[in-house]
């Protein structure tokens, strides 16, 4: 399952998710202030933690295990006051990065699930 360090999956997953949200956002508004507000609302850790919770029912056992391992990564000192949400967001980003690099078709399926349920 693991081809690289989980932290690296989370790192790329953060960028992939932000790009996905930015692509959605530019279709909603041309106003730069609104672009920034909408994007930051969807890439912040609170939103990612909530979205992971909503997606849990759609995850395979392997994906649940990867999410669990991503959740257990060490937390940077500056993030420790929001430990639970930070762990959930890191778990979400780990999954996004893993799908992006190893199974883009599954990532597309997840995007469809998110869209169909109007979670973004």
N, C-alpha and C. Protein backbone atom coordinates (compact mmCIF):
# COMPACT_ATOMS: atom_id res chain seq x y z
N UNK A 1 0.82 -1.20 0.00
CA UNK A 1 0.00 0.00 0.00
C UNK A 1 0.87 1.26 0.00
N UNK A 2 1.85 1.33 0.86
CA UNK A 2 2.62 2.55 1.03
C UNK A 2 3.84 2.54 0.12
N UNK A 3 3.89 3.49 -0.80
CA UNK A 3 5.03 3.60 -1.68
C UNK A 3 5.98 4.69 -1.23
N UNK A 4 5.47 5.61 -0.40
CA UNK A 4 6.31 6.68 0.11
C UNK A 4 5.83 7.03 1.52
N UNK A 5 6.54 7.91 2.15
CA UNK A 5 6.21 8.37 3.48
C UNK A 5 4.81 8.99 3.50
N UNK A 6 4.03 8.67 4.52
CA UNK A 6 2.66 9.21 4.62
C UNK A 6 2.64 10.72 4.65
N UNK A 7 3.62 11.32 5.26
CA UNK A 7 3.70 12.78 5.33
C UNK A 7 3.79 13.36 3.91
N UNK A 8 4.46 12.65 3.01
CA UNK A 8 4.57 13.12 1.63
C UNK A 8 3.23 13.03 0.90
N UNK A 9 2.47 11.98 1.20
CA UNK A 9 1.12 11.90 0.62
C UNK A 9 0.27 13.08 1.11
N UNK A 10 0.36 13.39 2.39
CA UNK A 10 -0.39 14.52 2.95
C UNK A 10 0.06 15.84 2.32
N UNK A 11 1.36 15.96 2.10
CA UNK A 11 1.91 17.19 1.51
C UNK A 11 1.35 17.42 0.10
N UNK A 12 1.40 16.39 -0.73
CA UNK A 12 0.87 16.54 -2.10
C UNK A 12 -0.65 16.62 -2.06
N UNK A 13 -1.27 15.91 -1.14
CA UNK A 13 -2.73 15.95 -1.02
C UNK A 13 -3.24 17.34 -0.69
N UNK A 14 -2.51 18.07 0.13
CA UNK A 14 -2.87 19.45 0.46
C UNK A 14 -2.90 20.30 -0.80
N UNK A 15 -1.89 20.16 -1.64
CA UNK A 15 -1.82 20.94 -2.88
C UNK A 15 -2.90 20.52 -3.88
N UNK A 16 -3.13 19.22 -3.99
CA UNK A 16 -4.14 18.70 -4.93
C UNK A 16 -5.53 19.20 -4.52
N UNK A 17 -5.84 19.14 -3.22
CA UNK A 17 -7.14 19.58 -2.74
C UNK A 17 -7.33 21.08 -2.99
N UNK A 18 -6.30 21.87 -2.70
CA UNK A 18 -6.42 23.31 -2.92
C UNK A 18 -6.62 23.62 -4.41
N UNK A 19 -5.92 22.95 -5.28
CA UNK A 19 -6.09 23.16 -6.71
C UNK A 19 -7.51 22.78 -7.14
N UNK A 20 -8.01 21.66 -6.64
CA UNK A 20 -9.37 21.23 -6.95
C UNK A 20 -10.38 22.31 -6.52
N UNK A 21 -10.22 22.82 -5.32
CA UNK A 21 -11.12 23.86 -4.82
C UNK A 21 -10.98 25.14 -5.64
N UNK A 22 -9.76 25.52 -5.97
CA UNK A 22 -9.56 26.73 -6.79
C UNK A 22 -10.22 26.58 -8.17
N UNK A 23 -10.13 25.40 -8.75
CA UNK A 23 -10.78 25.17 -10.04
C UNK A 23 -12.29 25.32 -9.92
N UNK A 24 -12.86 24.88 -8.81
CA UNK A 24 -14.30 25.04 -8.58
C UNK A 24 -14.64 26.51 -8.33
N UNK A 25 -13.82 27.19 -7.57
CA UNK A 25 -14.08 28.56 -7.15
C UNK A 25 -14.08 29.54 -8.32
N UNK A 26 -13.17 29.36 -9.27
CA UNK A 26 -13.10 30.31 -10.38
C UNK A 26 -14.34 30.26 -11.26
N UNK A 27 -15.13 29.20 -11.13
CA UNK A 27 -16.38 29.09 -11.90
C UNK A 27 -17.53 29.78 -11.18
N UNK A 28 -17.30 30.18 -9.92
CA UNK A 28 -18.35 30.79 -9.11
C UNK A 28 -18.30 32.31 -9.14
N UNK A 29 -17.07 32.88 -9.12
CA UNK A 29 -16.93 34.33 -9.03
C UNK A 29 -15.65 34.82 -9.69
N UNK A 30 -15.67 36.08 -10.07
CA UNK A 30 -14.47 36.73 -10.61
C UNK A 30 -13.85 37.66 -9.58
N UNK A 31 -14.54 37.89 -8.48
CA UNK A 31 -14.08 38.81 -7.44
C UNK A 31 -12.96 38.16 -6.64
N UNK A 32 -11.79 38.80 -6.62
CA UNK A 32 -10.62 38.19 -5.97
C UNK A 32 -10.82 38.00 -4.47
N UNK A 33 -11.51 38.91 -3.82
CA UNK A 33 -11.77 38.75 -2.38
C UNK A 33 -12.65 37.53 -2.14
N UNK A 34 -13.70 37.39 -2.96
CA UNK A 34 -14.58 36.22 -2.83
C UNK A 34 -13.86 34.92 -3.17
N UNK A 35 -13.01 34.97 -4.20
CA UNK A 35 -12.22 33.79 -4.56
C UNK A 35 -11.42 33.31 -3.35
N UNK A 36 -10.74 34.25 -2.72
CA UNK A 36 -9.91 33.91 -1.56
C UNK A 36 -10.75 33.36 -0.41
N UNK A 37 -11.85 34.01 -0.10
CA UNK A 37 -12.71 33.61 1.02
C UNK A 37 -13.28 32.22 0.80
N UNK A 38 -13.84 31.97 -0.38
CA UNK A 38 -14.43 30.67 -0.67
C UNK A 38 -13.36 29.57 -0.62
N UNK A 39 -12.20 29.85 -1.20
CA UNK A 39 -11.12 28.86 -1.22
C UNK A 39 -10.64 28.56 0.18
N UNK A 40 -10.34 29.58 0.96
CA UNK A 40 -9.82 29.33 2.31
C UNK A 40 -10.83 28.61 3.19
N UNK A 41 -12.11 28.87 2.99
CA UNK A 41 -13.13 28.16 3.77
C UNK A 41 -13.13 26.66 3.49
N UNK A 42 -12.76 26.27 2.27
CA UNK A 42 -12.80 24.86 1.88
C UNK A 42 -11.47 24.13 2.06
N UNK A 43 -10.38 24.85 2.27
CA UNK A 43 -9.09 24.18 2.46
C UNK A 43 -8.64 24.22 3.91
N UNK A 44 -9.38 24.87 4.79
CA UNK A 44 -8.96 24.92 6.20
C UNK A 44 -9.20 23.58 6.88
N UNK A 45 -8.46 23.36 7.95
CA UNK A 45 -8.48 22.04 8.59
C UNK A 45 -9.86 21.67 9.13
N UNK A 46 -10.64 22.62 9.60
CA UNK A 46 -11.96 22.30 10.12
C UNK A 46 -12.86 21.70 9.04
N UNK A 47 -12.81 22.28 7.85
CA UNK A 47 -13.62 21.77 6.74
C UNK A 47 -13.14 20.40 6.30
N UNK A 48 -11.83 20.23 6.20
CA UNK A 48 -11.28 18.94 5.79
C UNK A 48 -11.62 17.84 6.80
N UNK A 49 -11.56 18.16 8.08
CA UNK A 49 -11.90 17.18 9.11
C UNK A 49 -13.37 16.77 8.99
N UNK A 50 -14.24 17.74 8.77
CA UNK A 50 -15.67 17.47 8.61
C UNK A 50 -15.92 16.63 7.36
N UNK A 51 -15.24 16.96 6.27
CA UNK A 51 -15.42 16.22 5.02
C UNK A 51 -14.93 14.78 5.15
N UNK A 52 -13.83 14.57 5.84
CA UNK A 52 -13.35 13.21 6.06
C UNK A 52 -14.41 12.40 6.81
N UNK A 53 -15.00 13.00 7.81
CA UNK A 53 -16.04 12.31 8.57
C UNK A 53 -17.20 11.89 7.66
N UNK A 54 -17.60 12.77 6.75
CA UNK A 54 -18.70 12.47 5.82
C UNK A 54 -18.32 11.37 4.84
N UNK A 55 -17.05 11.31 4.47
CA UNK A 55 -16.59 10.32 3.49
C UNK A 55 -16.34 8.94 4.07
N UNK A 56 -16.24 8.83 5.38
CA UNK A 56 -15.85 7.56 6.01
C UNK A 56 -16.69 6.38 5.54
N UNK A 57 -17.97 6.57 5.35
CA UNK A 57 -18.86 5.48 4.93
C UNK A 57 -18.54 4.99 3.51
N UNK A 58 -17.85 5.78 2.73
CA UNK A 58 -17.54 5.43 1.34
C UNK A 58 -16.14 4.83 1.17
N UNK A 59 -15.36 4.78 2.25
CA UNK A 59 -13.98 4.31 2.16
C UNK A 59 -13.88 2.80 2.26
N UNK A 60 -12.96 2.25 1.48
CA UNK A 60 -12.66 0.82 1.58
C UNK A 60 -11.87 0.56 2.87
N UNK A 61 -11.71 -0.69 3.21
CA UNK A 61 -10.91 -1.03 4.39
C UNK A 61 -9.49 -0.48 4.25
N UNK A 62 -8.89 -0.66 3.09
CA UNK A 62 -7.52 -0.17 2.86
C UNK A 62 -7.45 1.35 3.03
N UNK A 63 -8.44 2.06 2.52
CA UNK A 63 -8.47 3.51 2.65
C UNK A 63 -8.68 3.93 4.11
N UNK A 64 -9.53 3.20 4.83
CA UNK A 64 -9.74 3.49 6.25
C UNK A 64 -8.44 3.30 7.03
N UNK A 65 -7.70 2.27 6.69
CA UNK A 65 -6.43 2.00 7.36
C UNK A 65 -5.42 3.11 7.05
N UNK A 66 -5.36 3.54 5.81
CA UNK A 66 -4.46 4.63 5.44
C UNK A 66 -4.86 5.91 6.18
N UNK A 67 -6.16 6.18 6.26
CA UNK A 67 -6.64 7.36 6.98
C UNK A 67 -6.25 7.28 8.46
N UNK A 68 -6.39 6.11 9.05
CA UNK A 68 -6.02 5.93 10.45
C UNK A 68 -4.53 6.21 10.65
N UNK A 69 -3.71 5.69 9.77
CA UNK A 69 -2.26 5.90 9.87
C UNK A 69 -1.90 7.36 9.64
N UNK A 70 -2.60 8.03 8.72
CA UNK A 70 -2.37 9.45 8.50
C UNK A 70 -2.76 10.28 9.71
N UNK A 71 -3.81 9.86 10.38
CA UNK A 71 -4.28 10.54 11.59
C UNK A 71 -3.26 10.43 12.73
N UNK A 72 -2.47 9.37 12.71
CA UNK A 72 -1.51 9.13 13.79
C UNK A 72 -0.12 9.71 13.54
N UNK A 73 0.04 10.47 12.46
CA UNK A 73 1.34 11.10 12.21
C UNK A 73 1.63 12.11 13.32
N UNK A 74 2.91 12.33 13.64
CA UNK A 74 3.26 13.33 14.66
C UNK A 74 2.76 14.72 14.27
N UNK A 75 2.37 15.48 15.27
CA UNK A 75 1.81 16.82 15.05
C UNK A 75 2.88 17.88 15.32
N UNK A 76 3.03 18.85 14.42
CA UNK A 76 3.96 19.96 14.69
C UNK A 76 3.54 20.72 15.96
N UNK A 77 4.48 21.22 16.68
CA UNK A 77 4.21 21.89 17.95
C UNK A 77 3.19 23.01 17.81
N UNK A 78 3.27 23.79 16.76
CA UNK A 78 2.36 24.92 16.57
C UNK A 78 0.91 24.52 16.34
N UNK A 79 0.62 23.28 16.07
CA UNK A 79 -0.74 22.82 15.77
C UNK A 79 -1.38 22.05 16.92
N UNK A 80 -0.71 21.96 18.02
CA UNK A 80 -1.17 21.06 19.08
C UNK A 80 -2.44 21.53 19.78
N UNK A 81 -2.80 22.81 19.71
CA UNK A 81 -4.03 23.25 20.37
C UNK A 81 -5.27 22.75 19.64
N UNK A 82 -5.17 22.44 18.37
CA UNK A 82 -6.28 21.91 17.57
C UNK A 82 -5.98 20.48 17.14
N UNK A 83 -5.49 19.69 18.06
CA UNK A 83 -4.95 18.38 17.74
C UNK A 83 -5.92 17.48 16.97
N UNK A 84 -7.14 17.38 17.43
CA UNK A 84 -8.10 16.46 16.80
C UNK A 84 -8.38 16.87 15.36
N UNK A 85 -8.71 18.14 15.14
CA UNK A 85 -9.01 18.60 13.77
C UNK A 85 -7.78 18.52 12.88
N UNK A 86 -6.62 18.86 13.43
CA UNK A 86 -5.40 18.80 12.64
C UNK A 86 -5.14 17.36 12.19
N UNK A 87 -5.32 16.41 13.09
CA UNK A 87 -5.12 15.00 12.75
C UNK A 87 -6.10 14.54 11.66
N UNK A 88 -7.35 14.96 11.78
CA UNK A 88 -8.36 14.58 10.79
C UNK A 88 -8.02 15.20 9.42
N UNK A 89 -7.62 16.47 9.42
CA UNK A 89 -7.27 17.14 8.16
C UNK A 89 -6.05 16.48 7.52
N UNK A 90 -5.06 16.12 8.33
CA UNK A 90 -3.88 15.43 7.80
C UNK A 90 -4.27 14.08 7.21
N UNK A 91 -5.18 13.41 7.87
CA UNK A 91 -5.68 12.13 7.37
C UNK A 91 -6.36 12.31 6.01
N UNK A 92 -7.20 13.35 5.91
CA UNK A 92 -7.88 13.67 4.66
C UNK A 92 -6.86 13.96 3.55
N UNK A 93 -5.88 14.80 3.85
CA UNK A 93 -4.86 15.16 2.86
C UNK A 93 -4.03 13.94 2.45
N UNK A 94 -3.78 13.04 3.40
CA UNK A 94 -3.05 11.81 3.09
C UNK A 94 -3.82 10.98 2.06
N UNK A 95 -5.11 10.84 2.28
CA UNK A 95 -5.94 10.10 1.32
C UNK A 95 -5.95 10.76 -0.05
N UNK A 96 -6.15 12.08 -0.09
CA UNK A 96 -6.18 12.80 -1.37
C UNK A 96 -4.87 12.59 -2.11
N UNK A 97 -3.74 12.74 -1.42
CA UNK A 97 -2.43 12.56 -2.04
C UNK A 97 -2.21 11.14 -2.52
N UNK A 98 -2.64 10.18 -1.72
CA UNK A 98 -2.48 8.77 -2.08
C UNK A 98 -3.30 8.44 -3.32
N UNK A 99 -4.57 8.89 -3.32
CA UNK A 99 -5.40 8.65 -4.51
C UNK A 99 -4.81 9.34 -5.73
N UNK A 100 -4.37 10.56 -5.57
CA UNK A 100 -3.82 11.31 -6.69
C UNK A 100 -2.63 10.58 -7.32
N UNK A 101 -1.75 10.04 -6.48
CA UNK A 101 -0.54 9.40 -6.98
C UNK A 101 -0.71 7.94 -7.35
N UNK A 102 -1.65 7.24 -6.73
CA UNK A 102 -1.74 5.80 -6.96
C UNK A 102 -3.03 5.35 -7.64
N UNK A 103 -4.09 6.16 -7.55
CA UNK A 103 -5.38 5.73 -8.08
C UNK A 103 -6.24 6.95 -8.46
N UNK A 104 -5.86 7.64 -9.52
CA UNK A 104 -6.61 8.85 -9.91
C UNK A 104 -8.09 8.57 -10.22
N UNK A 105 -8.40 7.35 -10.67
CA UNK A 105 -9.81 7.01 -10.93
C UNK A 105 -10.61 7.05 -9.64
N UNK A 106 -10.02 6.55 -8.56
CA UNK A 106 -10.70 6.58 -7.26
C UNK A 106 -10.85 8.01 -6.77
N UNK A 107 -9.86 8.84 -6.99
CA UNK A 107 -9.96 10.25 -6.61
C UNK A 107 -11.12 10.90 -7.36
N UNK A 108 -11.27 10.58 -8.62
CA UNK A 108 -12.40 11.11 -9.40
C UNK A 108 -13.73 10.63 -8.81
N UNK A 109 -13.78 9.37 -8.38
CA UNK A 109 -14.99 8.85 -7.75
C UNK A 109 -15.31 9.62 -6.46
N UNK A 110 -14.29 9.92 -5.68
CA UNK A 110 -14.47 10.67 -4.43
C UNK A 110 -14.98 12.07 -4.74
N UNK A 111 -14.43 12.71 -5.76
CA UNK A 111 -14.91 14.03 -6.15
C UNK A 111 -16.39 13.98 -6.55
N UNK A 112 -16.78 12.92 -7.24
CA UNK A 112 -18.19 12.75 -7.64
C UNK A 112 -19.07 12.58 -6.40
N UNK A 113 -18.62 11.78 -5.45
CA UNK A 113 -19.38 11.60 -4.20
C UNK A 113 -19.56 12.94 -3.50
N UNK A 114 -18.49 13.71 -3.43
CA UNK A 114 -18.54 15.03 -2.78
C UNK A 114 -19.53 15.94 -3.51
N UNK A 115 -19.45 15.95 -4.83
CA UNK A 115 -20.35 16.79 -5.64
C UNK A 115 -21.79 16.36 -5.51
N UNK A 116 -22.05 15.06 -5.65
CA UNK A 116 -23.43 14.56 -5.59
C UNK A 116 -24.10 14.82 -4.24
N UNK A 117 -23.29 14.83 -3.19
CA UNK A 117 -23.83 15.09 -1.85
C UNK A 117 -23.83 16.57 -1.50
N UNK A 118 -23.36 17.40 -2.44
CA UNK A 118 -23.32 18.86 -2.26
C UNK A 118 -22.54 19.27 -1.00
N UNK A 119 -21.40 18.58 -0.80
CA UNK A 119 -20.56 18.90 0.35
C UNK A 119 -19.64 20.07 0.08
N UNK A 120 -19.52 20.47 -1.18
CA UNK A 120 -18.81 21.70 -1.51
C UNK A 120 -19.62 22.46 -2.53
